[in-house]
Amino acid sequence: MSARRRDAGGPAAAVPPRWIPLPPLAQHLREFAARRDAWLILARNLIPVVGIYAFHWSAALAVFNYWFDGLVALVAIVGALVPRAIRESQSKREAATQGPLRFAFKGILTWLFLVAIIGLPYWIVLIPLHDLLFGGELRAQIAQSPGLWLTFASIAGSHLWKAFHAGYDTLAENDLKQSVRWDIYLLILRAIAMFSMAAHGLAFVMVPLMALLLSYFEIWPERVLGAVFGDPRRLYEHDPGKD
């Protein structure tokens, strides 16, 4: 069982902190140097930075990639949760009389509603990033490059595969809450972090900083969640910072 699900439903700490402070920089550096996967994560997140500075990629394309990657991951998780949510919310009589088409239609409506609500930070960040993400340069790049379409399709496909193989249907209630909140809270924080990329004329500076921040999110997710939401082992609770 992954660390994000461990201890769900177990005994709570006596007085959990409202937030957990981050360790000093020296500890981060020691841990980073000792973890091979940390180097791989950093290298993957720095690909857009290398593209911008070495291959003259546009900053708009790099920012769109970050936005699209986070939104699609959230959309995939919500889509994987909807079937279970519908089954558990309807009565036995409704389940017996409801045909597959009606179930699918109800699922699509529920999915759209949840994506609109849970994905709100991703929609709001489009306001300050409007000039960058809706400019003619980005549209031309995407329209004229089949390779980019393939890249974005592969990103979406990988997130869908991961979400629908996460086993949400088989998890106990507290384990489900812990796992889903772990993933969704990180994605929401990712969207909030993207507001920093709206600084006009500073995209070439903010993209490298965003790459470092996203690497931190992947390498030490429990520290990110602990600093914002309290004990990351207790996300299944309504308020992780309270008994």
C-alpha atoms as a PDB file:
ATOM      1  CA  MET A   1       0.000   0.000   0.000  1.00  0.00           C
ATOM      2  CA  SER A   2       1.366   3.418  -0.919  1.00  0.00           C
ATOM      3  CA  ALA A   3       2.416   5.982   1.672  1.00  0.00           C
ATOM      4  CA  ARG A   4      -0.512   8.210   0.813  1.00  0.00           C
ATOM      5  CA  ARG A   5      -2.977   5.505   1.901  1.00  0.00           C
ATOM      6  CA  ARG A   6      -1.104   4.204   4.888  1.00  0.00           C
ATOM      7  CA  ASP A   7      -2.680   4.758   8.324  1.00  0.00           C
ATOM      8  CA  ALA A   8      -6.056   5.740   6.845  1.00  0.00           C
ATOM      9  CA  GLY A   9      -8.655   4.812   9.405  1.00  0.00           C
ATOM     10  CA  GLY A  10      -6.014   4.164  12.060  1.00  0.00           C
ATOM     11  CA  PRO A  11      -5.565   5.925  15.406  1.00  0.00           C
ATOM     12  CA  ALA A  12      -5.060   9.656  15.130  1.00  0.00           C
ATOM     13  CA  ALA A  13      -2.152  11.536  16.626  1.00  0.00           C
ATOM     14  CA  ALA A  14      -2.813  13.221  19.934  1.00  0.00           C
ATOM     15  CA  VAL A  15      -2.478  16.828  18.768  1.00  0.00           C
ATOM     16  CA  PRO A  16      -1.691  17.027  15.053  1.00  0.00           C
ATOM     17  CA  PRO A  17      -0.219  20.315  13.855  1.00  0.00           C
ATOM     18  CA  ARG A  18      -2.244  22.647  11.701  1.00  0.00           C
ATOM     19  CA  TRP A  19       0.640  22.588   9.263  1.00  0.00           C
ATOM     20  CA  ILE A  20       3.978  20.810   9.164  1.00  0.00           C
ATOM     21  CA  PRO A  21       7.052  23.016   8.598  1.00  0.00           C
ATOM     22  CA  LEU A  22       9.466  22.077   5.820  1.00  0.00           C
ATOM     23  CA  PRO A  23      12.917  20.687   6.722  1.00  0.00           C
ATOM     24  CA  PRO A  24      16.000  22.864   6.140  1.00  0.00           C
ATOM     25  CA  LEU A  25      17.543  23.176   2.695  1.00  0.00           C
ATOM     26  CA  ALA A  26      20.570  21.077   3.658  1.00  0.00           C
ATOM     27  CA  GLN A  27      18.331  18.090   4.417  1.00  0.00           C
ATOM     28  CA  HIS A  28      16.563  18.482   1.088  1.00  0.00           C
ATOM     29  CA  LEU A  29      19.881  18.511  -0.755  1.00  0.00           C
ATOM     30  CA  ARG A  30      21.127  15.388   1.053  1.00  0.00           C
ATOM     31  CA  GLU A  31      17.920  13.511   0.308  1.00  0.00           C
ATOM     32  CA  PHE A  32      17.888  14.652  -3.298  1.00  0.00           C
ATOM     33  CA  ALA A  33      21.479  13.527  -3.893  1.00  0.00           C
ATOM     34  CA  ALA A  34      20.694  10.088  -2.444  1.00  0.00           C
ATOM     35  CA  ARG A  35      17.578   9.453  -4.543  1.00  0.00           C
ATOM     36  CA  ARG A  36      18.050   8.337  -8.128  1.00  0.00           C
ATOM     37  CA  ASP A  37      14.369   8.878  -8.940  1.00  0.00           C
ATOM     38  CA  ALA A  38      14.688  12.510  -7.835  1.00  0.00           C
ATOM     39  CA  TRP A  39      17.269  13.153 -10.548  1.00  0.00           C
ATOM     40  CA  LEU A  40      15.010  11.550 -13.152  1.00  0.00           C
ATOM     41  CA  ILE A  41      12.018  13.637 -12.033  1.00  0.00           C
ATOM     42  CA  LEU A  42      14.040  16.848 -12.208  1.00  0.00           C
ATOM     43  CA  ALA A  43      15.391  15.959 -15.659  1.00  0.00           C
ATOM     44  CA  ARG A  44      11.876  15.281 -16.985  1.00  0.00           C
ATOM     45  CA  ASN A  45      10.492  18.560 -15.643  1.00  0.00           C
ATOM     46  CA  LEU A  46      13.424  20.505 -17.074  1.00  0.00           C
ATOM     47  CA  ILE A  47      12.704  19.369 -20.643  1.00  0.00           C
ATOM     48  CA  PRO A  48      10.572  22.482 -21.410  1.00  0.00           C
ATOM     49  CA  VAL A  49      13.310  24.674 -19.939  1.00  0.00           C
ATOM     50  CA  VAL A  50      15.942  23.099 -22.186  1.00  0.00           C
ATOM     51  CA  GLY A  51      13.559  23.494 -25.111  1.00  0.00           C
ATOM     52  CA  ILE A  52      13.096  27.207 -24.418  1.00  0.00           C
ATOM     53  CA  TYR A  53      16.765  28.079 -23.953  1.00  0.00           C
ATOM     54  CA  ALA A  54      18.418  25.598 -26.342  1.00  0.00           C
ATOM     55  CA  PHE A  55      15.835  25.022 -29.077  1.00  0.00           C
ATOM     56  CA  HIS A  56      13.915  28.330 -28.974  1.00  0.00           C
ATOM     57  CA  TRP A  57      10.586  26.853 -27.931  1.00  0.00           C
ATOM     58  CA  SER A  58       7.960  29.445 -27.095  1.00  0.00           C
ATOM     59  CA  ALA A  59       7.213  30.149 -23.444  1.00  0.00           C
ATOM     60  CA  ALA A  60       3.501  29.952 -24.309  1.00  0.00           C
ATOM     61  CA  LEU A  61       3.857  26.321 -25.383  1.00  0.00           C
ATOM     62  CA  ALA A  62       5.700  25.390 -22.182  1.00  0.00           C
ATOM     63  CA  VAL A  63       3.068  27.087 -20.005  1.00  0.00           C
ATOM     64  CA  PHE A  64       0.243  25.431 -21.950  1.00  0.00           C
ATOM     65  CA  ASN A  65       1.924  22.062 -21.457  1.00  0.00           C
ATOM     66  CA  TYR A  66       1.990  22.558 -17.671  1.00  0.00           C
ATOM     67  CA  TRP A  67      -1.658  23.693 -17.650  1.00  0.00           C
ATOM     68  CA  PHE A  68      -2.886  20.890 -19.922  1.00  0.00           C
ATOM     69  CA  ASP A  69      -0.980  18.192 -18.025  1.00  0.00           C
ATOM     70  CA  GLY A  70      -2.488  19.199 -14.674  1.00  0.00           C
ATOM     71  CA  LEU A  71      -6.029  19.660 -15.978  1.00  0.00           C
ATOM     72  CA  VAL A  72      -6.106  16.338 -17.833  1.00  0.00           C
ATOM     73  CA  ALA A  73      -4.828  14.515 -14.749  1.00  0.00           C
ATOM     74  CA  LEU A  74      -7.667  16.013 -12.701  1.00  0.00           C
ATOM     75  CA  VAL A  75     -10.252  15.242 -15.410  1.00  0.00           C
ATOM     76  CA  ALA A  76      -9.087  11.617 -15.550  1.00  0.00           C
ATOM     77  CA  ILE A  77      -9.336  11.138 -11.779  1.00  0.00           C
ATOM     78  CA  VAL A  78     -12.852  12.582 -11.704  1.00  0.00           C
ATOM     79  CA  GLY A  79     -13.852  10.351 -14.615  1.00  0.00           C
ATOM     80  CA  ALA A  80     -12.588   7.271 -12.796  1.00  0.00           C
ATOM     81  CA  LEU A  81     -14.560   8.203  -9.674  1.00  0.00           C
ATOM     82  CA  VAL A  82     -17.905   8.953 -11.315  1.00  0.00           C
ATOM     83  CA  PRO A  83     -19.154   5.345 -11.839  1.00  0.00           C
ATOM     84  CA  ARG A  84     -18.676   4.501  -8.166  1.00  0.00           C
ATOM     85  CA  ALA A  85     -20.195   7.799  -7.072  1.00  0.00           C
ATOM     86  CA  ILE A  86     -23.333   7.176  -9.129  1.00  0.00           C
ATOM     87  CA  ARG A  87     -23.714   3.578  -7.944  1.00  0.00           C
ATOM     88  CA  GLU A  88     -23.409   4.552  -4.292  1.00  0.00           C
ATOM     89  CA  SER A  89     -25.782   7.515  -4.590  1.00  0.00           C
ATOM     90  CA  GLN A  90     -28.720   5.697  -6.189  1.00  0.00           C
ATOM     91  CA  SER A  91     -31.183   3.329  -4.568  1.00  0.00           C
ATOM     92  CA  LYS A  92     -31.440  -0.372  -5.413  1.00  0.00           C
ATOM     93  CA  ARG A  93     -34.692   0.304  -7.246  1.00  0.00           C
ATOM     94  CA  GLU A  94     -33.060   2.966  -9.423  1.00  0.00           C
ATOM     95  CA  ALA A  95     -30.143   0.652 -10.147  1.00  0.00           C
ATOM     96  CA  ALA A  96     -32.481  -2.138 -11.229  1.00  0.00           C
ATOM     97  CA  THR A  97     -34.572   0.028 -13.558  1.00  0.00           C
ATOM     98  CA  GLN A  98     -31.812   2.216 -14.983  1.00  0.00           C
ATOM     99  CA  GLY A  99     -30.548   1.212 -18.425  1.00  0.00           C
ATOM    100  CA  PRO A 100     -26.953   1.588 -19.624  1.00  0.00           C
ATOM    101  CA  LEU A 101     -27.732   4.649 -21.760  1.00  0.00           C
ATOM    102  CA  ARG A 102     -29.332   6.498 -18.875  1.00  0.00           C
ATOM    103  CA  PHE A 103     -26.443   5.501 -16.599  1.00  0.00           C
ATOM    104  CA  ALA A 104     -23.936   6.801 -19.162  1.00  0.00           C
ATOM    105  CA  PHE A 105     -25.853  10.064 -19.644  1.00  0.00           C
ATOM    106  CA  LYS A 106     -26.059  10.589 -15.888  1.00  0.00           C
ATOM    107  CA  GLY A 107     -22.351   9.827 -15.591  1.00  0.00           C
ATOM    108  CA  ILE A 108     -21.392  12.378 -18.256  1.00  0.00           C
ATOM    109  CA  LEU A 109     -23.467  15.104 -16.610  1.00  0.00           C
ATOM    110  CA  THR A 110     -21.972  14.310 -13.204  1.00  0.00           C
ATOM    111  CA  TRP A 111     -18.466  14.277 -14.673  1.00  0.00           C
ATOM    112  CA  LEU A 112     -18.948  17.666 -16.362  1.00  0.00           C
ATOM    113  CA  PHE A 113     -20.333  19.205 -13.181  1.00  0.00           C
ATOM    114  CA  LEU A 114     -17.477  17.899 -11.011  1.00  0.00           C
ATOM    115  CA  VAL A 115     -14.807  18.948 -13.510  1.00  0.00           C
ATOM    116  CA  ALA A 116     -16.304  22.443 -13.625  1.00  0.00           C
ATOM    117  CA  ILE A 117     -16.255  22.700  -9.806  1.00  0.00           C
ATOM    118  CA  ILE A 118     -13.068  20.850  -8.828  1.00  0.00           C
ATOM    119  CA  GLY A 119     -11.146  22.234 -11.788  1.00  0.00           C
ATOM    120  CA  LEU A 120     -12.071  25.820 -10.937  1.00  0.00           C
ATOM    121  CA  PRO A 121      -8.443  26.865 -10.218  1.00  0.00           C
ATOM    122  CA  TYR A 122      -7.486  25.720 -13.727  1.00  0.00           C
ATOM    123  CA  TRP A 123     -10.286  27.789 -15.268  1.00  0.00           C
ATOM    124  CA  ILE A 124      -9.490  30.850 -13.157  1.00  0.00           C
ATOM    125  CA  VAL A 125      -5.775  30.788 -14.016  1.00  0.00           C
ATOM    126  CA  LEU A 126      -6.726  31.197 -17.675  1.00  0.00           C
ATOM    127  CA  ILE A 127      -7.696  34.800 -16.872  1.00  0.00           C
ATOM    128  CA  PRO A 128      -4.176  36.085 -16.056  1.00  0.00           C
ATOM    129  CA  LEU A 129      -2.634  33.694 -18.616  1.00  0.00           C
ATOM    130  CA  HIS A 130      -5.083  34.701 -21.353  1.00  0.00           C
ATOM    131  CA  ASP A 131      -2.602  36.653 -23.494  1.00  0.00           C
ATOM    132  CA  LEU A 132      -0.029  33.875 -23.252  1.00  0.00           C
ATOM    133  CA  LEU A 133      -2.282  30.856 -23.862  1.00  0.00           C
ATOM    134  CA  PHE A 134      -4.732  32.349 -26.354  1.00  0.00           C
ATOM    135  CA  GLY A 135      -2.242  34.169 -28.534  1.00  0.00           C
ATOM    136  CA  GLY A 136      -1.854  33.500 -32.235  1.00  0.00           C
ATOM    137  CA  GLU A 137       1.672  32.099 -31.775  1.00  0.00           C
ATOM    138  CA  LEU A 138       0.510  29.175 -29.648  1.00  0.00           C
ATOM    139  CA  ARG A 139      -2.463  28.403 -31.898  1.00  0.00           C
ATOM    140  CA  ALA A 140      -0.202  28.374 -34.951  1.00  0.00           C
ATOM    141  CA  GLN A 141       2.334  26.090 -33.291  1.00  0.00           C
ATOM    142  CA  ILE A 142      -0.305  23.555 -32.258  1.00  0.00           C
ATOM    143  CA  ALA A 143      -2.199  23.697 -35.546  1.00  0.00           C
ATOM    144  CA  GLN A 144       0.919  23.201 -37.668  1.00  0.00           C
ATOM    145  CA  SER A 145       2.563  20.441 -35.642  1.00  0.00           C
ATOM    146  CA  PRO A 146       1.076  16.917 -35.687  1.00  0.00           C
ATOM    147  CA  GLY A 147       3.834  15.994 -33.261  1.00  0.00           C
ATOM    148  CA  LEU A 148       2.346  18.293 -30.627  1.00  0.00           C
ATOM    149  CA  TRP A 149      -1.092  16.723 -31.092  1.00  0.00           C
ATOM    150  CA  LEU A 150       0.499  13.317 -30.573  1.00  0.00           C
ATOM    151  CA  THR A 151       2.340  14.568 -27.506  1.00  0.00           C
ATOM    152  CA  PHE A 152      -0.794  15.959 -25.879  1.00  0.00           C
ATOM    153  CA  ALA A 153      -2.755  12.827 -26.803  1.00  0.00           C
ATOM    154  CA  SER A 154      -0.106  10.669 -25.137  1.00  0.00           C
ATOM    155  CA  ILE A 155      -0.238  12.851 -22.012  1.00  0.00           C
ATOM    156  CA  ALA A 156      -4.021  12.481 -21.850  1.00  0.00           C
ATOM    157  CA  GLY A 157      -3.843   8.739 -22.498  1.00  0.00           C
ATOM    158  CA  SER A 158      -1.272   8.157 -19.763  1.00  0.00           C
ATOM    159  CA  HIS A 159      -3.354  10.047 -17.197  1.00  0.00           C
ATOM    160  CA  LEU A 160      -6.518   8.158 -18.177  1.00  0.00           C
ATOM    161  CA  TRP A 161      -4.739   4.809 -17.927  1.00  0.00           C
ATOM    162  CA  LYS A 162      -3.285   5.699 -14.526  1.00  0.00           C
ATOM    163  CA  ALA A 163      -6.602   6.947 -13.127  1.00  0.00           C
ATOM    164  CA  PHE A 164      -8.675   3.981 -14.319  1.00  0.00           C
ATOM    165  CA  HIS A 165      -6.076   1.520 -12.981  1.00  0.00           C
ATOM    166  CA  ALA A 166      -5.823   3.162  -9.560  1.00  0.00           C
ATOM    167  CA  GLY A 167      -8.380   0.760  -8.098  1.00  0.00           C
ATOM    168  CA  TYR A 168     -10.811   3.363  -6.830  1.00  0.00           C
ATOM    169  CA  ASP A 169     -13.720   0.913  -7.088  1.00  0.00           C
ATOM    170  CA  THR A 170     -12.121  -1.550  -4.678  1.00  0.00           C
ATOM    171  CA  LEU A 171     -10.802   0.806  -1.988  1.00  0.00           C
ATOM    172  CA  ALA A 172     -12.417   1.119   1.422  1.00  0.00           C
ATOM    173  CA  GLU A 173     -14.057   4.498   2.041  1.00  0.00           C
ATOM    174  CA  ASN A 174     -11.243   6.040   4.096  1.00  0.00           C
ATOM    175  CA  ASP A 175      -8.581   4.685   1.748  1.00  0.00           C
ATOM    176  CA  LEU A 176     -10.508   6.130  -1.191  1.00  0.00           C
ATOM    177  CA  LYS A 177     -10.740   9.557   0.438  1.00  0.00           C
ATOM    178  CA  GLN A 178      -7.049   9.483   1.317  1.00  0.00           C
ATOM    179  CA  SER A 179      -5.908   8.501  -2.168  1.00  0.00           C
ATOM    180  CA  VAL A 180      -8.205  10.857  -4.088  1.00  0.00           C
ATOM    181  CA  ARG A 181      -7.571  13.863  -1.862  1.00  0.00           C
ATOM    182  CA  TRP A 182      -3.817  13.248  -2.044  1.00  0.00           C
ATOM    183  CA  ASP A 183      -3.870  13.449  -5.838  1.00  0.00           C
ATOM    184  CA  ILE A 184      -6.468  16.202  -6.244  1.00  0.00           C
ATOM    185  CA  TYR A 185      -5.021  18.482  -3.565  1.00  0.00           C
ATOM    186  CA  LEU A 186      -1.628  18.317  -5.294  1.00  0.00           C
ATOM    187  CA  LEU A 187      -3.206  19.120  -8.660  1.00  0.00           C
ATOM    188  CA  ILE A 188      -5.095  22.077  -7.188  1.00  0.00           C
ATOM    189  CA  LEU A 189      -1.903  23.421  -5.613  1.00  0.00           C
ATOM    190  CA  ARG A 190      -0.222  22.983  -8.997  1.00  0.00           C
ATOM    191  CA  ALA A 191      -2.898  25.167 -10.618  1.00  0.00           C
ATOM    192  CA  ILE A 192      -2.530  27.805  -7.918  1.00  0.00           C
ATOM    193  CA  ALA A 193       1.231  27.843  -8.487  1.00  0.00           C
ATOM    194  CA  MET A 194       0.630  28.618 -12.157  1.00  0.00           C
ATOM    195  CA  PHE A 195      -0.651  32.081 -11.218  1.00  0.00           C
ATOM    196  CA  SER A 196       3.006  33.024 -10.723  1.00  0.00           C
ATOM    197  CA  MET A 197       3.595  32.451 -14.441  1.00  0.00           C
ATOM    198  CA  ALA A 198       1.256  35.305 -15.362  1.00  0.00           C
ATOM    199  CA  ALA A 199       3.981  37.902 -14.790  1.00  0.00           C
ATOM    200  CA  HIS A 200       4.235  39.732 -18.109  1.00  0.00           C
ATOM    201  CA  GLY A 201       7.625  39.441 -19.747  1.00  0.00           C
ATOM    202  CA  LEU A 202       8.962  37.035 -17.109  1.00  0.00           C
ATOM    203  CA  ALA A 203       7.800  33.721 -18.604  1.00  0.00           C
ATOM    204  CA  PHE A 204      11.361  32.726 -19.475  1.00  0.00           C
ATOM    205  CA  VAL A 205      12.236  33.119 -15.796  1.00  0.00           C
ATOM    206  CA  MET A 206       9.056  31.634 -14.352  1.00  0.00           C
ATOM    207  CA  VAL A 207       9.111  28.472 -16.500  1.00  0.00           C
ATOM    208  CA  PRO A 208      12.382  27.241 -14.901  1.00  0.00           C
ATOM    209  CA  LEU A 209      11.011  28.095 -11.455  1.00  0.00           C
ATOM    210  CA  MET A 210       7.813  26.203 -12.273  1.00  0.00           C
ATOM    211  CA  ALA A 211       9.877  23.198 -13.361  1.00  0.00           C
ATOM    212  CA  LEU A 212      11.681  23.214 -10.010  1.00  0.00           C
ATOM    213  CA  LEU A 213       8.414  23.602  -8.112  1.00  0.00           C
ATOM    214  CA  LEU A 214       6.721  20.724  -9.959  1.00  0.00           C
ATOM    215  CA  SER A 215       9.779  18.571  -9.307  1.00  0.00           C
ATOM    216  CA  TYR A 216       9.415  19.329  -5.604  1.00  0.00           C
ATOM    217  CA  PHE A 217       5.732  18.361  -5.753  1.00  0.00           C
ATOM    218  CA  GLU A 218       6.670  14.971  -7.224  1.00  0.00           C
ATOM    219  CA  ILE A 219       9.706  14.244  -5.044  1.00  0.00           C
ATOM    220  CA  TRP A 220       8.260  15.336  -1.687  1.00  0.00           C
ATOM    221  CA  PRO A 221       4.445  15.389  -2.084  1.00  0.00           C
ATOM    222  CA  GLU A 222       3.915  14.596   1.593  1.00  0.00           C
ATOM    223  CA  ARG A 223       5.817  17.753   2.574  1.00  0.00           C
ATOM    224  CA  VAL A 224       3.806  19.931   0.208  1.00  0.00           C
ATOM    225  CA  LEU A 225       0.540  18.569   1.572  1.00  0.00           C
ATOM    226  CA  GLY A 226       1.753  18.733   5.161  1.00  0.00           C
ATOM    227  CA  ALA A 227       2.760  22.379   4.817  1.00  0.00           C
ATOM    228  CA  VAL A 228      -0.700  23.325   3.509  1.00  0.00           C
ATOM    229  CA  PHE A 229      -3.220  20.809   4.881  1.00  0.00           C
ATOM    230  CA  GLY A 230      -1.612  19.347   7.980  1.00  0.00           C
ATOM    231  CA  ASP A 231      -0.762  15.683   8.565  1.00  0.00           C
ATOM    232  CA  PRO A 232      -0.695  14.136   5.049  1.00  0.00           C
ATOM    233  CA  ARG A 233      -1.528  10.714   6.498  1.00  0.00           C
ATOM    234  CA  ARG A 234      -4.915  12.012   7.605  1.00  0.00           C
ATOM    235  CA  LEU A 235      -6.312  13.571   4.439  1.00  0.00           C
ATOM    236  CA  TYR A 236      -9.238  11.157   4.640  1.00  0.00           C
ATOM    237  CA  GLU A 237     -10.568  13.231   7.518  1.00  0.00           C
ATOM    238  CA  HIS A 238     -12.803  16.223   6.821  1.00  0.00           C
ATOM    239  CA  ASP A 239     -10.161  18.516   8.280  1.00  0.00           C
ATOM    240  CA  PRO A 240      -6.677  16.925   8.437  1.00  0.00           C
ATOM    241  CA  GLY A 241      -5.566  19.502  10.994  1.00  0.00           C
ATOM    242  CA  LYS A 242      -8.117  18.557  13.645  1.00  0.00           C
ATOM    243  CA  ASP A 243      -8.772  15.509  15.807  1.00  0.00           C
END
